[in-house]
């Protein structure tokens, strides 16, 4: 933005999500290669974006699962529980690790 801030809710719909996520995944691979004990958490800036991340994880689970242990947070926000990510889960997770 003109004032130097970043709008993390912007949605340009310019079709670059695959390119952006591919870049992020490569960065995560490089980072965890050097620091394998690390746990990386991510969540969308909106419920819709978090649901999008869940759909992407579900779609590419077989590929991601070969390199990463994927877990998710579910339950009430004030006392969430971490569980192994299940691509067949019918509910909505609210964060991923």
C-alpha atoms as a PDB file:
ATOM      1  CA  UNK A   1       0.000   0.000   0.000  1.00  0.00           C
ATOM      2  CA  UNK A   2       1.081   3.614  -0.398  1.00  0.00           C
ATOM      3  CA  UNK A   3       1.803   4.013   3.327  1.00  0.00           C
ATOM      4  CA  UNK A   4       4.070   0.950   3.398  1.00  0.00           C
ATOM      5  CA  UNK A   5       1.609  -1.392   5.112  1.00  0.00           C
ATOM      6  CA  UNK A   6       0.646  -4.812   3.777  1.00  0.00           C
ATOM      7  CA  UNK A   7      -2.948  -5.882   3.251  1.00  0.00           C
ATOM      8  CA  UNK A   8      -2.998  -9.599   4.075  1.00  0.00           C
ATOM      9  CA  UNK A   9      -6.673  -9.832   3.150  1.00  0.00           C
ATOM     10  CA  UNK A  10      -6.209  -8.633  -0.427  1.00  0.00           C
ATOM     11  CA  UNK A  11      -7.385 -11.013  -3.112  1.00  0.00           C
ATOM     12  CA  UNK A  12      -6.178 -10.167  -6.598  1.00  0.00           C
ATOM     13  CA  UNK A  13      -7.496 -13.304  -8.291  1.00  0.00           C
ATOM     14  CA  UNK A  14      -4.623 -13.028 -10.744  1.00  0.00           C
ATOM     15  CA  UNK A  15      -4.034 -16.793 -10.777  1.00  0.00           C
ATOM     16  CA  UNK A  16      -0.642 -16.761  -9.061  1.00  0.00           C
ATOM     17  CA  UNK A  17      -1.605 -18.787  -5.965  1.00  0.00           C
ATOM     18  CA  UNK A  18       0.136 -21.943  -7.237  1.00  0.00           C
ATOM     19  CA  UNK A  19       3.322 -19.991  -7.921  1.00  0.00           C
ATOM     20  CA  UNK A  20       3.211 -18.314  -4.503  1.00  0.00           C
ATOM     21  CA  UNK A  21       2.528 -21.546  -2.625  1.00  0.00           C
ATOM     22  CA  UNK A  22       5.232 -23.377  -4.571  1.00  0.00           C
ATOM     23  CA  UNK A  23       7.714 -20.692  -3.516  1.00  0.00           C
ATOM     24  CA  UNK A  24       6.599 -20.962   0.121  1.00  0.00           C
ATOM     25  CA  UNK A  25       6.935 -24.761   0.062  1.00  0.00           C
ATOM     26  CA  UNK A  26      10.475 -24.511  -1.347  1.00  0.00           C
ATOM     27  CA  UNK A  27      11.392 -22.049   1.403  1.00  0.00           C
ATOM     28  CA  UNK A  28       9.937 -24.389   4.051  1.00  0.00           C
ATOM     29  CA  UNK A  29      11.938 -27.304   2.599  1.00  0.00           C
ATOM     30  CA  UNK A  30      15.167 -25.285   2.701  1.00  0.00           C
ATOM     31  CA  UNK A  31      14.481 -24.044   6.218  1.00  0.00           C
ATOM     32  CA  UNK A  32      13.592 -27.453   7.650  1.00  0.00           C
ATOM     33  CA  UNK A  33      16.601 -29.052   5.993  1.00  0.00           C
ATOM     34  CA  UNK A  34      18.794 -26.838   8.186  1.00  0.00           C
ATOM     35  CA  UNK A  35      16.486 -26.983  11.215  1.00  0.00           C
ATOM     36  CA  UNK A  36      14.661 -30.340  11.112  1.00  0.00           C
ATOM     37  CA  UNK A  37      13.331 -29.942  14.669  1.00  0.00           C
ATOM     38  CA  UNK A  38      11.361 -26.839  13.669  1.00  0.00           C
ATOM     39  CA  UNK A  39       7.601 -26.678  13.659  1.00  0.00           C
ATOM     40  CA  UNK A  40       6.070 -24.193  11.228  1.00  0.00           C
ATOM     41  CA  UNK A  41       2.528 -22.985  11.847  1.00  0.00           C
ATOM     42  CA  UNK A  42       0.273 -21.221   9.390  1.00  0.00           C
ATOM     43  CA  UNK A  43      -3.269 -19.968   9.267  1.00  0.00           C
ATOM     44  CA  UNK A  44      -5.217 -17.873   6.807  1.00  0.00           C
ATOM     45  CA  UNK A  45      -5.993 -14.237   7.478  1.00  0.00           C
ATOM     46  CA  UNK A  46      -9.685 -15.092   7.003  1.00  0.00           C
ATOM     47  CA  UNK A  47     -11.777 -18.233   7.522  1.00  0.00           C
ATOM     48  CA  UNK A  48     -12.090 -18.546   3.750  1.00  0.00           C
ATOM     49  CA  UNK A  49      -8.334 -18.441   3.252  1.00  0.00           C
ATOM     50  CA  UNK A  50      -7.784 -21.026   6.001  1.00  0.00           C
ATOM     51  CA  UNK A  51     -10.360 -23.260   4.283  1.00  0.00           C
ATOM     52  CA  UNK A  52      -8.448 -22.768   1.008  1.00  0.00           C
ATOM     53  CA  UNK A  53      -5.227 -23.900   2.708  1.00  0.00           C
ATOM     54  CA  UNK A  54      -7.061 -26.956   4.037  1.00  0.00           C
ATOM     55  CA  UNK A  55      -8.286 -27.816   0.512  1.00  0.00           C
ATOM     56  CA  UNK A  56      -4.757 -27.449  -0.855  1.00  0.00           C
ATOM     57  CA  UNK A  57      -3.327 -29.662   1.899  1.00  0.00           C
ATOM     58  CA  UNK A  58      -6.040 -32.221   1.186  1.00  0.00           C
ATOM     59  CA  UNK A  59      -5.381 -32.177  -2.565  1.00  0.00           C
ATOM     60  CA  UNK A  60      -1.597 -32.508  -2.257  1.00  0.00           C
ATOM     61  CA  UNK A  61      -1.506 -34.528   0.964  1.00  0.00           C
ATOM     62  CA  UNK A  62       0.171 -37.592  -0.555  1.00  0.00           C
ATOM     63  CA  UNK A  63       3.027 -35.427  -1.849  1.00  0.00           C
ATOM     64  CA  UNK A  64       3.432 -33.247   1.266  1.00  0.00           C
ATOM     65  CA  UNK A  65       3.132 -36.217   3.621  1.00  0.00           C
ATOM     66  CA  UNK A  66       6.258 -37.790   2.107  1.00  0.00           C
ATOM     67  CA  UNK A  67       8.395 -34.936   3.448  1.00  0.00           C
ATOM     68  CA  UNK A  68       6.466 -33.419   6.345  1.00  0.00           C
ATOM     69  CA  UNK A  69       4.456 -34.474   9.358  1.00  0.00           C
ATOM     70  CA  UNK A  70       1.337 -32.375   8.950  1.00  0.00           C
ATOM     71  CA  UNK A  71      -0.819 -31.614  11.958  1.00  0.00           C
ATOM     72  CA  UNK A  72      -3.727 -29.267  12.496  1.00  0.00           C
ATOM     73  CA  UNK A  73      -5.484 -27.438  15.302  1.00  0.00           C
ATOM     74  CA  UNK A  74      -9.140 -28.067  15.959  1.00  0.00           C
ATOM     75  CA  UNK A  75     -11.664 -27.558  18.712  1.00  0.00           C
ATOM     76  CA  UNK A  76     -12.462 -24.363  20.574  1.00  0.00           C
ATOM     77  CA  UNK A  77     -10.052 -21.474  19.982  1.00  0.00           C
ATOM     78  CA  UNK A  78      -9.495 -21.012  23.715  1.00  0.00           C
ATOM     79  CA  UNK A  79      -8.353 -24.645  24.155  1.00  0.00           C
ATOM     80  CA  UNK A  80      -7.375 -26.101  20.781  1.00  0.00           C
ATOM     81  CA  UNK A  81      -5.999 -29.582  20.326  1.00  0.00           C
ATOM     82  CA  UNK A  82      -3.333 -30.582  17.851  1.00  0.00           C
ATOM     83  CA  UNK A  83      -4.112 -33.643  15.761  1.00  0.00           C
ATOM     84  CA  UNK A  84      -2.592 -35.381  12.766  1.00  0.00           C
ATOM     85  CA  UNK A  85      -3.981 -33.762   9.615  1.00  0.00           C
ATOM     86  CA  UNK A  86      -6.638 -35.996   8.091  1.00  0.00           C
ATOM     87  CA  UNK A  87      -7.418 -35.200   4.440  1.00  0.00           C
ATOM     88  CA  UNK A  88     -10.823 -36.875   4.877  1.00  0.00           C
ATOM     89  CA  UNK A  89     -11.770 -34.694   7.864  1.00  0.00           C
ATOM     90  CA  UNK A  90     -15.242 -33.230   7.293  1.00  0.00           C
ATOM     91  CA  UNK A  91     -14.844 -30.318   9.686  1.00  0.00           C
ATOM     92  CA  UNK A  92     -12.697 -27.235   9.381  1.00  0.00           C
ATOM     93  CA  UNK A  93      -9.301 -26.963  11.017  1.00  0.00           C
ATOM     94  CA  UNK A  94      -8.276 -23.480  12.090  1.00  0.00           C
ATOM     95  CA  UNK A  95      -4.490 -23.743  11.834  1.00  0.00           C
ATOM     96  CA  UNK A  96      -1.870 -26.065  10.387  1.00  0.00           C
ATOM     97  CA  UNK A  97       1.612 -27.134  11.485  1.00  0.00           C
END
